Amino acid sequence: MKRILFTIPFILFGSFTQAQDIDLNEVEKKIKPKMFAPSPEAKVISLHDAISQGLRLNSQERIRGYRKGLIELNWKDTFEGFWFPQLSLTINTSDHHVQSVYNNQNETLLSKTPSGFVGLEFEDYTVFNWGRDYLDYLNEKASYLRENQILTEQKRDLRFRIIDKYFNLSLLKQIRLIKKTQLRHTSFIYKLSKEKLSLGKINRQELLQGKEEFLRAHQEFQDINAQVATTEEELAELLGDDLSTTYTLTNQLKYSPLNIQKDETVSLAQQKSPQLRQANVELENANRSFEKNLKDNLPLPKFTVRLGAYRHSFSNQGSQDSFTTYGDDNDVEIAASINMKWKIFGSGGFLNSREREREYFNKRIAEIEFTEAKRDVKVAISTFHKQISHLEKKVEASEARLKNSRLLFDSALDRYISGKTTFPNVALALDSLINTEEAFERAKYEHLAQKLNLANLAGVDDFPGEKFDNLVVR
């Protein structure tokens, strides 16, 4: 009874597959023109061309070009506002009569002759302020330099993402070729199984197994095509191309072991790491802000000089020229003033103590964050080096295994053709070959991806003696 129940599904499945049998020639005819041959509309592009185009046409990079202009304009204002007196051209007139809209009087209240002045005026210039305004200037300067560094780091990150996406697409196209080989092998085995079944050398179960392997290979081939299409869209977005663009890549990844030691990477990161640079700027600014707050809470006089204003005044009584500094005086003098206010009760605390505590807490937070940033970068570098070392061993092992898998499959296929082995052995050998080829290609790509991550963390465009743009098979 159990045997009967167990055989029923196979009987049903056999009749179903007979009804749903496929024409291999028709399937291959549909696949080959669309999937195997490169499209004539595909854009032929090398890694160097991809990087060059992306750095020119990527939308975010173009925005960064204008953002740099804004940063430079803001810095010019800060620099000139601190170091130079501010000279302005001023025009001022009082209201005067132009035209009456409604008037029930004989005379207008406004004069028909304009009065006012045209002048060149200097604003008050701070000569000495106990370094308080200078501390603000140094904070602005540090932020300006850091903003420019961030733009450079974002450009480098874009370059790395283009390299990564280019070789990711190259990997998927290489896997697609591997899946194509798998499809070709399973198609041949399935055809051979049909011939063997007609000669009575195998049973129907082996035929169905061959058909299952072919259908699985066909599905995996379609899946990898979908991944290729998605990755091409992502690369097109990075390069500023139309999202429907397809690519024919002229370069393949050249495997190159990492040639820098962990201690060297740490040394580079301490100088150039974006994370450490940001934490260091925030720490220095917090220290200066705390120092300024202490000075702001002291009754220190501020020394200024008023360089005066030259004015040409005019009215219905005539015109005159004048030069004044303070009131009607024209003497150029240095003036000292104290303008302080301490809270006794209310917001800010007694004698503004809360403001001082707030700046102190910000300073301490920045110190801890800087220490943690140094530790995080060091730990991340160590982790990347370990992962890269593991991937290098994986590449070597996969390469050695790949040679053996090819020999194993060739031998198994020959023995299956001559009837000396069974289908499961051939299928196992084919799976081993396909998986090993794919693992070998993925290990090379992941090795590059981790090297890019390490370089980005360390803040370098390339490692000493190695240029990412040149990691291509010549």
Protein backbone atom coordinates (compact mmCIF):
# COMPACT_ATOMS: atom_id res chain seq x y z
CA MET A 1 0.00 0.00 0.00
CA LYS A 2 2.81 2.41 0.90
CA ARG A 3 4.62 1.57 -2.33
CA ILE A 4 1.48 2.36 -4.36
CA LEU A 5 1.03 5.74 -2.62
CA PHE A 6 4.69 6.55 -3.18
CA THR A 7 4.59 5.82 -6.92
CA ILE A 8 1.42 7.81 -7.64
CA PRO A 9 3.15 11.28 -7.58
CA PHE A 10 5.81 10.07 -10.02
CA ILE A 11 3.15 8.72 -12.39
CA LEU A 12 1.26 12.02 -12.24
CA PHE A 13 4.47 14.06 -12.66
CA GLY A 14 5.53 11.94 -15.63
CA SER A 15 2.22 12.46 -17.44
CA PHE A 16 2.37 16.20 -16.64
CA THR A 17 5.86 16.62 -18.07
CA GLN A 18 4.85 14.75 -21.20
CA ALA A 19 1.98 17.19 -21.69
CA GLN A 20 4.23 20.17 -20.89
CA ASP A 21 7.37 19.00 -22.76
CA ILE A 22 9.64 21.71 -24.16
CA ASP A 23 11.38 22.20 -27.46
CA LEU A 24 15.07 22.79 -26.65
CA ASN A 25 15.87 24.16 -30.09
CA GLU A 26 13.09 26.72 -29.77
CA VAL A 27 14.26 27.81 -26.29
CA GLU A 28 17.86 28.24 -27.42
CA LYS A 29 16.72 30.08 -30.56
CA LYS A 30 14.93 32.65 -28.36
CA ILE A 31 17.76 33.01 -25.89
CA LYS A 32 20.83 33.31 -28.09
CA PRO A 33 20.03 36.41 -30.13
CA LYS A 34 18.79 38.36 -27.11
CA MET A 35 21.05 37.20 -24.31
CA PHE A 36 24.36 35.96 -25.70
CA ALA A 37 25.28 38.47 -28.39
CA PRO A 38 26.17 42.04 -27.32
CA SER A 39 23.56 44.59 -28.28
CA PRO A 40 24.58 46.93 -31.10
CA GLU A 41 23.02 49.76 -29.09
CA ALA A 42 25.18 49.01 -26.02
CA LYS A 43 27.65 51.69 -24.98
CA VAL A 44 31.25 50.46 -25.15
CA ILE A 45 33.10 51.83 -22.14
CA SER A 46 36.36 51.24 -20.30
CA LEU A 47 36.99 51.76 -16.60
CA HIS A 48 39.01 54.92 -17.28
CA ASP A 49 36.23 56.34 -19.47
CA ALA A 50 33.61 55.48 -16.84
CA ILE A 51 35.52 57.30 -14.11
CA SER A 52 36.18 60.33 -16.33
CA GLN A 53 32.54 60.58 -17.41
CA GLY A 54 31.17 60.08 -13.91
CA LEU A 55 33.35 62.83 -12.44
CA ARG A 56 32.11 65.20 -15.16
CA LEU A 57 28.43 64.33 -15.55
CA ASN A 58 27.29 62.89 -12.23
CA SER A 59 24.55 65.19 -10.91
CA GLN A 60 25.80 65.24 -7.32
CA GLU A 61 29.34 66.04 -8.46
CA ARG A 62 28.03 68.93 -10.55
CA ILE A 63 26.14 70.22 -7.51
CA ARG A 64 29.35 69.99 -5.49
CA GLY A 65 31.01 72.27 -8.03
CA TYR A 66 28.48 75.00 -7.29
CA ARG A 67 28.58 74.27 -3.56
CA LYS A 68 32.33 74.88 -3.62
CA GLY A 69 31.61 78.30 -5.15
CA LEU A 70 29.26 79.11 -2.25
CA ILE A 71 31.86 77.98 0.29
CA GLU A 72 34.48 80.24 -1.31
CA LEU A 73 32.13 83.23 -1.32
CA ASN A 74 31.27 82.76 2.35
CA TRP A 75 34.94 82.47 3.25
CA LYS A 76 35.82 85.68 1.38
CA ASP A 77 33.19 87.50 3.44
CA THR A 78 34.60 86.05 6.66
CA PHE A 79 38.22 86.81 5.76
CA GLU A 80 37.65 90.39 4.61
CA GLY A 81 35.21 91.08 7.44
CA PHE A 82 37.87 90.19 10.00
CA TRP A 83 41.06 91.64 8.50
CA PHE A 84 39.93 94.77 6.66
CA PRO A 85 37.84 97.85 7.52
CA GLN A 86 34.43 97.84 5.86
CA LEU A 87 34.00 100.69 3.36
CA SER A 88 30.53 101.33 1.93
CA LEU A 89 29.05 103.65 -0.68
CA THR A 90 25.90 105.18 0.78
CA ILE A 91 23.07 107.17 -0.82
CA ASN A 92 20.30 108.58 1.33
CA THR A 93 17.50 110.98 0.43
CA SER A 94 14.46 112.26 2.29
CA ASP A 95 10.94 112.06 0.86
CA HIS A 96 10.24 114.76 -1.70
CA HIS A 97 7.24 115.75 -3.82
CA VAL A 98 6.82 114.03 -7.21
CA GLN A 99 3.16 114.30 -8.21
CA SER A 100 -0.12 115.09 -6.43
CA VAL A 101 -2.77 112.36 -6.55
CA TYR A 102 -5.30 114.35 -4.47
CA ASN A 103 -4.74 117.74 -2.89
CA ASN A 104 -7.34 120.01 -1.27
CA GLN A 105 -4.72 122.55 -0.25
CA ASN A 106 -2.90 125.09 -2.28
CA GLU A 107 0.56 124.02 -1.14
CA THR A 108 2.17 120.58 -0.78
CA LEU A 109 3.68 119.55 2.53
CA LEU A 110 6.68 117.89 0.84
CA SER A 111 9.56 119.79 -0.66
CA LYS A 112 9.88 119.61 -4.40
CA THR A 113 13.67 119.60 -4.11
CA PRO A 114 15.27 116.36 -2.86
CA SER A 115 17.67 116.53 0.06
CA GLY A 116 20.13 113.94 1.35
CA PHE A 117 23.72 112.84 0.90
CA VAL A 118 26.10 110.59 -0.99
CA GLY A 119 28.97 109.25 1.05
CA LEU A 120 31.86 106.84 1.51
CA GLU A 121 31.61 105.46 5.05
CA PHE A 122 33.87 103.25 7.14
CA GLU A 123 32.27 101.04 9.77
CA ASP A 124 33.81 100.76 13.23
CA TYR A 125 36.97 98.64 13.02
CA THR A 126 37.97 96.48 15.99
CA VAL A 127 41.64 96.97 16.81
CA PHE A 128 41.89 94.68 19.83
CA ASN A 129 39.30 92.48 21.50
CA TRP A 130 41.43 90.13 23.63
CA GLY A 131 41.29 87.50 20.91
CA ARG A 132 37.55 86.91 21.14
CA ASP A 133 36.77 87.78 17.53
CA TYR A 134 39.95 85.98 16.46
CA LEU A 135 38.72 82.75 18.06
CA ASP A 136 35.52 83.05 16.06
CA TYR A 137 37.62 83.67 12.94
CA LEU A 138 39.69 80.54 13.58
CA ASN A 139 36.53 78.47 13.99
CA GLU A 140 35.20 79.80 10.70
CA LYS A 141 38.52 79.08 9.00
CA ALA A 142 38.64 75.51 10.34
CA SER A 143 35.07 74.91 9.16
CA TYR A 144 35.90 76.38 5.73
CA LEU A 145 38.90 74.08 5.30
CA ARG A 146 36.88 71.08 6.46
CA GLU A 147 34.05 71.85 4.03
CA ASN A 148 36.55 71.84 1.17
CA GLN A 149 37.98 68.56 2.43
CA ILE A 150 34.49 67.06 2.50
CA LEU A 151 33.95 67.99 -1.14
CA THR A 152 37.23 66.27 -2.05
CA GLU A 153 36.26 63.22 0.00
CA GLN A 154 32.86 63.03 -1.68
CA LYS A 155 34.54 63.19 -5.08
CA ARG A 156 36.84 60.35 -4.08
CA ASP A 157 33.86 58.37 -2.78
CA LEU A 158 32.13 58.84 -6.15
CA ARG A 159 35.24 57.56 -7.94
CA PHE A 160 35.32 54.51 -5.68
CA ARG A 161 31.61 53.85 -6.24
CA ILE A 162 32.10 54.01 -10.02
CA ILE A 163 35.00 51.56 -9.82
CA ASP A 164 32.99 49.27 -7.56
CA LYS A 165 29.88 49.40 -9.75
CA TYR A 166 31.87 48.92 -12.96
CA PHE A 167 33.50 45.74 -11.67
CA ASN A 168 30.24 44.63 -10.05
CA LEU A 169 28.64 44.79 -13.49
CA SER A 170 31.67 43.02 -14.94
CA LEU A 171 31.23 40.29 -12.30
CA LEU A 172 27.56 39.80 -13.13
CA LYS A 173 28.29 39.66 -16.85
CA GLN A 174 30.99 37.08 -16.15
CA ILE A 175 28.54 35.06 -14.05
CA ARG A 176 26.06 35.34 -16.90
CA LEU A 177 28.64 33.68 -19.16
CA ILE A 178 29.07 30.97 -16.53
CA LYS A 179 25.30 30.46 -16.42
CA LYS A 180 25.30 30.34 -20.22
CA THR A 181 27.84 27.53 -20.07
CA GLN A 182 25.70 25.76 -17.48
CA LEU A 183 22.67 26.14 -19.75
CA ARG A 184 24.56 24.76 -22.71
CA HIS A 185 25.81 21.76 -20.73
CA THR A 186 22.39 20.96 -19.25
CA SER A 187 20.80 21.31 -22.68
CA PHE A 188 23.27 18.81 -24.11
CA ILE A 189 22.74 16.41 -21.19
CA TYR A 190 18.97 16.64 -21.53
CA LYS A 191 19.13 15.92 -25.27
CA LEU A 192 21.48 13.02 -24.60
CA SER A 193 19.11 11.70 -21.91
CA LYS A 194 16.21 11.70 -24.40
CA GLU A 195 18.28 9.69 -26.86
CA LYS A 196 19.35 7.24 -24.14
CA LEU A 197 15.73 6.84 -23.03
CA SER A 198 14.67 5.99 -26.57
CA LEU A 199 17.41 3.32 -26.65
CA GLY A 200 16.35 1.97 -23.27
CA LYS A 201 19.68 2.76 -21.58
CA ILE A 202 18.14 4.93 -18.81
CA ASN A 203 14.78 5.13 -17.11
CA ARG A 204 12.33 8.06 -17.19
CA GLN A 205 13.44 9.31 -13.79
CA GLU A 206 16.90 10.18 -15.14
CA LEU A 207 15.27 11.97 -18.07
CA LEU A 208 13.19 14.07 -15.69
CA GLN A 209 16.29 14.83 -13.66
CA GLY A 210 18.05 16.06 -16.78
CA LYS A 211 15.05 18.17 -17.69
CA GLU A 212 14.94 19.62 -14.16
CA GLU A 213 18.61 20.61 -14.37
CA PHE A 214 18.02 22.32 -17.70
CA LEU A 215 15.00 24.24 -16.42
CA ARG A 216 16.89 25.27 -13.28
CA ALA A 217 19.81 26.53 -15.39
CA HIS A 218 17.37 28.43 -17.60
CA GLN A 219 15.77 30.09 -14.55
CA GLU A 220 19.15 31.01 -13.05
CA PHE A 221 20.16 32.50 -16.39
CA GLN A 222 17.05 34.68 -16.42
CA ASP A 223 17.71 35.74 -12.81
CA ILE A 224 21.26 36.85 -13.57
CA ASN A 225 20.02 38.82 -16.58
CA ALA A 226 17.66 40.73 -14.31
CA GLN A 227 20.57 41.51 -11.96
CA VAL A 228 22.66 42.72 -14.89
CA ALA A 229 19.86 45.06 -16.00
CA THR A 230 19.48 46.50 -12.49
CA THR A 231 23.22 47.05 -12.11
CA GLU A 232 23.41 48.76 -15.50
CA GLU A 233 20.77 51.22 -14.32
CA GLU A 234 22.81 51.91 -11.17
CA LEU A 235 25.97 52.46 -13.19
CA ALA A 236 24.08 54.73 -15.61
CA GLU A 237 22.90 56.85 -12.69
CA LEU A 238 26.47 57.24 -11.42
CA LEU A 239 27.76 58.16 -14.89
CA GLY A 240 24.97 60.60 -15.70
CA ASP A 241 23.67 58.45 -18.58
CA ASP A 242 20.08 57.66 -19.47
CA LEU A 243 18.85 54.90 -17.16
CA SER A 244 17.99 52.69 -20.14
CA THR A 245 21.63 52.61 -21.27
CA THR A 246 23.24 49.20 -21.60
CA TYR A 247 27.00 48.73 -21.50
CA THR A 248 29.66 46.62 -23.14
CA LEU A 249 32.60 46.65 -20.74
CA THR A 250 36.07 46.53 -22.25
CA ASN A 251 37.91 45.82 -18.97
CA GLN A 252 37.86 42.91 -16.56
CA LEU A 253 39.12 42.95 -12.99
CA LYS A 254 42.75 42.10 -12.41
CA TYR A 255 43.30 40.46 -9.04
CA SER A 256 46.05 42.18 -7.04
CA PRO A 257 46.84 41.34 -3.38
CA LEU A 258 46.94 44.17 -0.86
CA ASN A 259 50.48 45.52 -0.61
CA ILE A 260 50.20 47.70 2.51
CA GLN A 261 50.54 46.61 6.12
CA LYS A 262 48.04 47.41 8.85
CA ASP A 263 50.41 49.78 10.70
CA GLU A 264 51.00 51.77 7.51
CA THR A 265 47.26 52.08 6.94
CA VAL A 266 46.73 53.30 10.50
CA SER A 267 49.48 55.89 10.00
CA LEU A 268 47.81 57.16 6.82
CA ALA A 269 44.38 57.23 8.48
CA GLN A 270 45.63 59.34 11.39
CA GLN A 271 46.47 62.09 8.89
CA LYS A 272 43.75 61.74 6.26
CA SER A 273 40.80 59.75 7.58
CA PRO A 274 37.55 61.72 7.00
CA GLN A 275 36.16 60.48 10.31
CA LEU A 276 39.22 61.64 12.26
CA ARG A 277 39.41 64.93 10.41
CA GLN A 278 35.80 65.72 11.26
CA ALA A 279 36.23 64.74 14.91
CA ASN A 280 39.44 66.81 15.16
CA VAL A 281 37.81 69.94 13.71
CA GLU A 282 34.87 69.61 16.09
CA LEU A 283 37.27 69.21 19.04
CA GLU A 284 39.36 72.27 18.12
CA ASN A 285 36.26 74.40 17.54
CA ALA A 286 34.78 73.28 20.86
CA ASN A 287 38.00 74.20 22.68
CA ARG A 288 38.06 77.65 21.08
CA SER A 289 34.36 78.21 21.82
CA PHE A 290 34.96 77.36 25.48
CA GLU A 291 37.94 79.72 25.64
CA LYS A 292 35.89 82.50 24.04
CA ASN A 293 33.06 81.95 26.51
CA LEU A 294 35.47 82.45 29.41
CA LYS A 295 36.65 85.74 27.91
CA ASP A 296 33.10 86.85 27.18
CA ASN A 297 32.33 86.56 30.88
CA LEU A 298 35.13 88.96 31.87
CA PRO A 299 34.84 92.80 31.83
CA LEU A 300 37.52 93.20 29.15
CA PRO A 301 37.45 96.47 27.17
CA LYS A 302 37.02 96.41 23.39
CA PHE A 303 39.24 98.81 21.41
CA THR A 304 37.82 100.17 18.16
CA VAL A 305 38.60 102.93 15.71
CA ARG A 306 36.14 104.86 13.59
CA LEU A 307 37.83 105.90 10.36
CA GLY A 308 34.99 108.25 9.54
CA ALA A 309 32.74 109.05 6.63
CA TYR A 310 33.04 111.42 3.69
CA ARG A 311 29.65 112.83 2.68
CA HIS A 312 28.41 115.12 -0.08
CA SER A 313 25.13 116.60 1.21
CA PHE A 314 22.56 118.39 -0.91
CA SER A 315 19.23 120.21 -0.31
CA ASN A 316 17.22 123.19 -1.56
CA GLN A 317 19.74 125.40 0.25
CA GLY A 318 22.73 124.08 -1.73
CA SER A 319 25.33 121.38 -1.22
CA GLN A 320 28.39 120.81 0.95
CA ASP A 321 31.15 118.25 1.58
CA SER A 322 32.09 117.00 5.03
CA PHE A 323 34.28 114.44 6.80
CA THR A 324 33.28 113.29 10.29
CA THR A 325 34.15 110.49 12.70
CA TYR A 326 32.28 110.94 15.98
CA GLY A 327 29.36 113.41 15.84
CA ASP A 328 30.64 116.59 14.21
CA ASP A 329 34.27 115.76 15.03
CA ASN A 330 36.77 114.69 12.38
CA ASP A 331 39.53 113.37 14.63
CA VAL A 332 40.48 109.70 14.11
CA GLU A 333 40.74 108.13 17.56
CA ILE A 334 40.90 104.72 19.17
CA ALA A 335 38.00 104.20 21.54
CA ALA A 336 37.66 101.68 24.37
CA SER A 337 34.34 100.40 25.66
CA ILE A 338 32.99 97.72 27.97
CA ASN A 339 29.62 96.18 27.31
CA MET A 340 28.90 93.41 29.80
CA LYS A 341 25.81 91.91 31.35
CA TRP A 342 25.72 89.23 34.08
CA LYS A 343 22.56 87.40 35.02
CA ILE A 344 21.82 87.28 38.73
CA PHE A 345 18.65 85.25 38.44
CA GLY A 346 16.94 83.71 35.42
CA SER A 347 17.94 81.91 32.24
CA GLY A 348 21.69 81.50 31.88
CA GLY A 349 22.28 80.94 35.58
CA PHE A 350 24.06 83.02 38.20
CA LEU A 351 26.75 85.14 36.51
CA ASN A 352 26.06 83.31 33.22
CA SER A 353 27.37 80.07 34.72
CA ARG A 354 25.11 77.84 32.62
CA GLU A 355 26.54 79.20 29.38
CA ARG A 356 30.04 78.38 30.63
CA GLU A 357 28.97 74.89 31.71
CA ARG A 358 27.26 74.31 28.36
CA GLU A 359 30.45 75.11 26.44
CA TYR A 360 32.46 72.95 28.83
CA PHE A 361 30.16 69.98 28.26
CA ASN A 362 30.43 70.47 24.49
CA LYS A 363 34.20 70.51 24.86
CA ARG A 364 34.24 67.27 26.87
CA ILE A 365 31.86 65.57 24.43
CA ALA A 366 34.12 66.54 21.52
CA GLU A 367 37.15 65.12 23.36
CA ILE A 368 35.42 61.78 23.94
CA GLU A 369 34.13 61.62 20.37
CA PHE A 370 37.63 62.29 19.02
CA THR A 371 39.09 59.51 21.17
CA GLU A 372 36.31 57.15 20.07
CA ALA A 373 36.83 58.11 16.43
CA LYS A 374 40.51 57.18 16.67
CA ARG A 375 39.59 53.85 18.23
CA ASP A 376 36.80 53.14 15.72
CA VAL A 377 39.08 53.87 12.76
CA LYS A 378 41.81 51.63 14.14
CA VAL A 379 39.35 48.78 14.78
CA ALA A 380 37.78 49.18 11.32
CA ILE A 381 41.21 49.11 9.66
CA SER A 382 42.10 45.93 11.53
CA THR A 383 38.78 44.36 10.49
CA PHE A 384 39.24 45.29 6.82
CA HIS A 385 42.77 43.88 6.80
CA LYS A 386 41.51 40.60 8.23
CA GLN A 387 38.68 40.39 5.71
CA ILE A 388 41.02 41.20 2.83
CA SER A 389 43.50 38.57 4.01
CA HIS A 390 40.68 36.02 4.22
CA LEU A 391 39.50 36.89 0.70
CA GLU A 392 43.02 36.55 -0.68
CA LYS A 393 43.19 33.03 0.72
CA LYS A 394 39.72 32.39 -0.67
CA VAL A 395 40.80 33.51 -4.15
CA GLU A 396 43.80 31.18 -4.06
CA ALA A 397 41.72 28.25 -2.80
CA SER A 398 38.95 28.88 -5.35
CA GLU A 399 41.46 29.06 -8.19
CA ALA A 400 43.01 25.73 -7.20
CA ARG A 401 39.58 24.14 -6.75
CA LEU A 402 38.44 25.49 -10.12
CA LYS A 403 41.16 23.59 -11.97
CA ASN A 404 40.12 20.38 -10.25
CA SER A 405 36.38 21.02 -10.87
CA ARG A 406 36.98 21.41 -14.61
CA LEU A 407 38.90 18.15 -14.78
CA LEU A 408 36.20 16.42 -12.72
CA PHE A 409 33.36 17.63 -14.95
CA ASP A 410 35.15 16.78 -18.19
CA SER A 411 35.82 13.28 -16.89
CA ALA A 412 32.24 12.81 -15.60
CA LEU A 413 30.72 14.05 -18.87
CA ASP A 414 32.90 11.71 -20.96
CA ARG A 415 31.97 8.77 -18.74
CA TYR A 416 28.26 9.66 -18.93
CA ILE A 417 28.39 9.83 -22.73
CA SER A 418 30.00 6.37 -22.80
CA GLY A 419 27.49 5.05 -20.26
CA LYS A 420 30.03 4.44 -17.50
CA THR A 421 28.46 6.72 -14.87
CA THR A 422 25.01 7.90 -13.82
CA PHE A 423 23.33 11.27 -14.25
CA PRO A 424 23.60 12.29 -10.53
CA ASN A 425 27.39 12.13 -10.79
CA VAL A 426 27.39 14.40 -13.86
CA ALA A 427 24.96 16.82 -12.21
CA LEU A 428 27.10 16.93 -9.07
CA ALA A 429 30.25 17.59 -11.11
CA LEU A 430 28.51 20.34 -13.11
CA ASP A 431 27.17 22.01 -9.96
CA SER A 432 30.64 21.91 -8.45
CA LEU A 433 32.14 23.51 -11.56
CA ILE A 434 29.54 26.29 -11.82
CA ASN A 435 29.61 27.10 -8.09
CA THR A 436 33.42 27.16 -8.03
CA GLU A 437 33.65 29.45 -11.05
CA GLU A 438 31.11 31.80 -9.52
CA ALA A 439 32.83 31.72 -6.10
CA PHE A 440 36.18 32.51 -7.72
CA GLU A 441 34.80 35.55 -9.58
CA ARG A 442 32.89 36.82 -6.54
CA ALA A 443 35.94 36.46 -4.28
CA LYS A 444 38.00 38.64 -6.63
CA TYR A 445 35.29 41.31 -6.73
CA GLU A 446 34.72 41.25 -2.94
CA HIS A 447 38.48 41.57 -2.45
CA LEU A 448 38.48 44.76 -4.54
CA ALA A 449 35.37 46.10 -2.77
CA GLN A 450 37.01 45.72 0.65
CA LYS A 451 40.18 47.40 -0.60
CA LEU A 452 38.08 50.34 -1.77
CA ASN A 453 36.38 50.50 1.64
CA LEU A 454 39.76 50.45 3.35
CA ALA A 455 41.11 53.24 1.14
CA ASN A 456 37.99 55.32 1.75
CA LEU A 457 38.36 54.85 5.50
CA ALA A 458 42.04 55.79 5.40
CA GLY A 459 41.29 58.85 3.26
CA VAL A 460 43.59 57.98 0.33
CA ASP A 461 42.83 57.88 -3.40
CA ASP A 462 45.12 54.89 -3.96
CA PHE A 463 47.44 52.76 -1.89
CA PRO A 464 51.20 53.32 -2.26
CA GLY A 465 52.44 51.55 -5.39
CA GLU A 466 48.94 50.67 -6.58
CA LYS A 467 46.35 52.58 -8.57
CA PHE A 468 42.76 51.31 -8.64
CA ASP A 469 42.27 52.61 -12.19
CA ASN A 470 44.94 50.17 -13.40
CA LEU A 471 43.43 47.01 -11.86
CA VAL A 472 42.31 45.79 -15.25
CA VAL A 473 43.33 42.85 -17.42
CA ARG A 474 45.43 44.24 -20.27
